[in-house]
Amino acid sequence: MSCQIPALHELKRISSRAFLEEMDVIMNKAIANNTAFIIDHYGKEVLFIPASLFPSQPQESQEMNL
């Protein structure tokens, strides 16, 4: 199963001020709807991704012979 995280250009963006004012509502909505989003904090971006968008089973890493 591959990651279901959408491309960055498809994600909703929200300012850090708006996130601060409505954090509980935004987080609950994002988790309930399995929605990732970007928080813009004065030109720096933080990505919020609910755990449900990641695969449930970690993929086995392949060993590298050096």
N, C-alpha and C. Protein backbone atom coordinates (compact mmCIF):
# COMPACT_ATOMS: atom_id res chain seq x y z
N MET A 1 0.85 -1.18 0.00
CA MET A 1 0.00 0.00 0.00
C MET A 1 0.88 1.23 0.00
N SER A 2 0.66 2.15 -0.91
CA SER A 2 1.48 3.34 -0.98
C SER A 2 0.84 4.48 -0.20
N CYS A 3 1.64 5.49 0.08
CA CYS A 3 1.16 6.66 0.81
C CYS A 3 0.06 7.34 0.01
N GLN A 4 -0.93 7.85 0.71
CA GLN A 4 -2.05 8.52 0.08
C GLN A 4 -1.96 10.03 0.24
N ILE A 5 -0.78 10.53 0.54
CA ILE A 5 -0.61 11.96 0.75
C ILE A 5 -0.67 12.67 -0.60
N PRO A 6 -1.54 13.68 -0.72
CA PRO A 6 -1.66 14.38 -1.99
C PRO A 6 -0.42 15.24 -2.29
N ALA A 7 -0.32 15.66 -3.53
CA ALA A 7 0.77 16.54 -3.93
C ALA A 7 0.65 17.88 -3.19
N LEU A 8 1.78 18.51 -2.92
CA LEU A 8 1.77 19.76 -2.17
C LEU A 8 0.90 20.84 -2.81
N HIS A 9 0.89 20.91 -4.13
CA HIS A 9 0.10 21.97 -4.79
C HIS A 9 -1.41 21.74 -4.63
N GLU A 10 -1.81 20.55 -4.20
CA GLU A 10 -3.23 20.25 -4.01
C GLU A 10 -3.71 20.53 -2.58
N LEU A 11 -2.79 20.79 -1.67
CA LEU A 11 -3.16 20.96 -0.27
C LEU A 11 -3.66 22.36 0.04
N LYS A 12 -4.61 22.43 0.96
CA LYS A 12 -5.12 23.71 1.43
C LYS A 12 -4.05 24.37 2.28
N ARG A 13 -3.96 25.68 2.16
CA ARG A 13 -3.01 26.45 2.96
C ARG A 13 -3.77 27.31 3.94
N ILE A 14 -3.19 27.45 5.14
CA ILE A 14 -3.80 28.26 6.17
C ILE A 14 -2.71 29.06 6.87
N SER A 15 -3.00 30.27 7.25
CA SER A 15 -2.01 31.09 7.95
C SER A 15 -1.85 30.59 9.38
N SER A 16 -0.70 30.85 9.96
CA SER A 16 -0.47 30.43 11.35
C SER A 16 -1.43 31.16 12.29
N ARG A 17 -1.80 32.38 11.96
CA ARG A 17 -2.75 33.15 12.79
C ARG A 17 -4.12 32.46 12.78
N ALA A 18 -4.61 32.10 11.59
CA ALA A 18 -5.91 31.41 11.49
C ALA A 18 -5.86 30.06 12.19
N PHE A 19 -4.74 29.36 12.05
CA PHE A 19 -4.59 28.06 12.71
C PHE A 19 -4.63 28.22 14.23
N LEU A 20 -3.94 29.22 14.73
CA LEU A 20 -3.91 29.47 16.17
C LEU A 20 -5.32 29.77 16.71
N GLU A 21 -6.08 30.56 15.97
CA GLU A 21 -7.41 30.95 16.41
C GLU A 21 -8.42 29.81 16.39
N GLU A 22 -8.25 28.85 15.48
CA GLU A 22 -9.22 27.77 15.31
C GLU A 22 -8.57 26.39 15.33
N MET A 23 -7.49 26.24 16.11
CA MET A 23 -6.70 25.02 16.06
C MET A 23 -7.53 23.76 16.30
N ASP A 24 -8.34 23.72 17.34
CA ASP A 24 -9.10 22.51 17.65
C ASP A 24 -10.06 22.14 16.53
N VAL A 25 -10.75 23.11 15.99
CA VAL A 25 -11.70 22.87 14.89
C VAL A 25 -10.97 22.36 13.65
N ILE A 26 -9.88 23.02 13.30
CA ILE A 26 -9.12 22.65 12.10
C ILE A 26 -8.52 21.26 12.24
N MET A 27 -7.91 20.96 13.39
CA MET A 27 -7.30 19.65 13.60
C MET A 27 -8.34 18.54 13.57
N ASN A 28 -9.46 18.74 14.28
CA ASN A 28 -10.51 17.72 14.29
C ASN A 28 -11.07 17.47 12.90
N LYS A 29 -11.27 18.54 12.14
CA LYS A 29 -11.79 18.41 10.77
C LYS A 29 -10.78 17.69 9.87
N ALA A 30 -9.50 18.03 10.00
CA ALA A 30 -8.47 17.40 9.19
C ALA A 30 -8.36 15.91 9.49
N ILE A 31 -8.41 15.56 10.76
CA ILE A 31 -8.32 14.15 11.14
C ILE A 31 -9.57 13.38 10.70
N ALA A 32 -10.74 13.96 10.91
CA ALA A 32 -11.99 13.30 10.53
C ALA A 32 -12.10 13.07 9.03
N ASN A 33 -11.55 14.02 8.25
CA ASN A 33 -11.65 13.93 6.79
C ASN A 33 -10.38 13.41 6.13
N ASN A 34 -9.41 12.98 6.93
CA ASN A 34 -8.12 12.50 6.40
C ASN A 34 -7.52 13.52 5.43
N THR A 35 -7.43 14.76 5.89
CA THR A 35 -6.97 15.84 5.04
C THR A 35 -5.65 16.42 5.55
N ALA A 36 -4.67 16.47 4.70
CA ALA A 36 -3.41 17.14 5.02
C ALA A 36 -3.55 18.61 4.64
N PHE A 37 -2.75 19.47 5.28
CA PHE A 37 -2.77 20.88 4.91
C PHE A 37 -1.44 21.51 5.27
N ILE A 38 -1.21 22.71 4.78
CA ILE A 38 0.02 23.44 5.01
C ILE A 38 -0.28 24.67 5.85
N ILE A 39 0.51 24.87 6.90
CA ILE A 39 0.41 26.07 7.72
C ILE A 39 1.52 27.01 7.29
N ASP A 40 1.15 28.21 6.86
CA ASP A 40 2.13 29.21 6.44
C ASP A 40 2.43 30.12 7.62
N HIS A 41 3.66 30.09 8.07
CA HIS A 41 4.07 30.91 9.21
C HIS A 41 5.13 31.90 8.74
N TYR A 42 4.67 33.04 8.29
CA TYR A 42 5.57 34.12 7.84
C TYR A 42 6.58 33.62 6.81
N GLY A 43 6.09 32.95 5.80
CA GLY A 43 6.95 32.48 4.71
C GLY A 43 7.55 31.10 4.93
N LYS A 44 7.46 30.58 6.12
CA LYS A 44 7.92 29.21 6.39
C LYS A 44 6.69 28.32 6.41
N GLU A 45 6.81 27.14 5.84
CA GLU A 45 5.66 26.24 5.74
C GLU A 45 5.84 25.00 6.60
N VAL A 46 4.76 24.63 7.27
CA VAL A 46 4.72 23.41 8.09
C VAL A 46 3.62 22.53 7.53
N LEU A 47 3.92 21.29 7.32
CA LEU A 47 2.97 20.34 6.74
C LEU A 47 2.33 19.52 7.85
N PHE A 48 1.00 19.49 7.89
CA PHE A 48 0.26 18.64 8.83
C PHE A 48 -0.31 17.48 8.05
N ILE A 49 0.02 16.26 8.47
CA ILE A 49 -0.46 15.05 7.80
C ILE A 49 -1.02 14.11 8.86
N PRO A 50 -2.33 13.80 8.80
CA PRO A 50 -2.88 12.82 9.75
C PRO A 50 -2.23 11.44 9.55
N ALA A 51 -2.03 10.74 10.64
CA ALA A 51 -1.40 9.41 10.58
C ALA A 51 -2.16 8.45 9.67
N SER A 52 -3.46 8.66 9.50
CA SER A 52 -4.26 7.77 8.68
C SER A 52 -3.87 7.80 7.20
N LEU A 53 -3.14 8.82 6.77
CA LEU A 53 -2.72 8.89 5.37
C LEU A 53 -1.46 8.08 5.09
N PHE A 54 -0.80 7.61 6.13
CA PHE A 54 0.39 6.79 5.96
C PHE A 54 0.00 5.31 5.90
N PRO A 55 0.81 4.50 5.24
CA PRO A 55 0.51 3.06 5.20
C PRO A 55 0.47 2.48 6.60
N SER A 56 -0.41 1.50 6.80
CA SER A 56 -0.54 0.91 8.13
C SER A 56 0.63 -0.01 8.46
N GLN A 57 1.25 -0.60 7.46
CA GLN A 57 2.39 -1.47 7.67
C GLN A 57 3.64 -0.82 7.08
N PRO A 58 4.68 -0.65 7.88
CA PRO A 58 5.92 -0.08 7.32
C PRO A 58 6.51 -1.05 6.29
N GLN A 59 7.06 -0.48 5.26
CA GLN A 59 7.68 -1.31 4.24
C GLN A 59 9.06 -1.74 4.73
N GLU A 60 9.42 -2.98 4.38
CA GLU A 60 10.73 -3.47 4.78
C GLU A 60 11.80 -2.75 3.98
N SER A 61 12.84 -2.36 4.68
CA SER A 61 13.94 -1.70 3.98
C SER A 61 14.82 -2.78 3.35
N GLN A 62 15.42 -2.43 2.25
CA GLN A 62 16.31 -3.36 1.58
C GLN A 62 17.71 -3.11 2.07
N GLU A 63 18.42 -4.19 2.30
CA GLU A 63 19.80 -4.04 2.75
C GLU A 63 20.69 -3.64 1.59
N MET A 64 21.64 -2.81 1.91
CA MET A 64 22.61 -2.39 0.90
C MET A 64 23.94 -3.06 1.20
N ASN A 65 24.49 -3.71 0.22
CA ASN A 65 25.83 -4.30 0.36
C ASN A 65 26.84 -3.31 -0.16
N LEU A 66 27.69 -2.87 0.74
CA LEU A 66 28.73 -1.89 0.34
C LEU A 66 30.04 -2.56 0.12
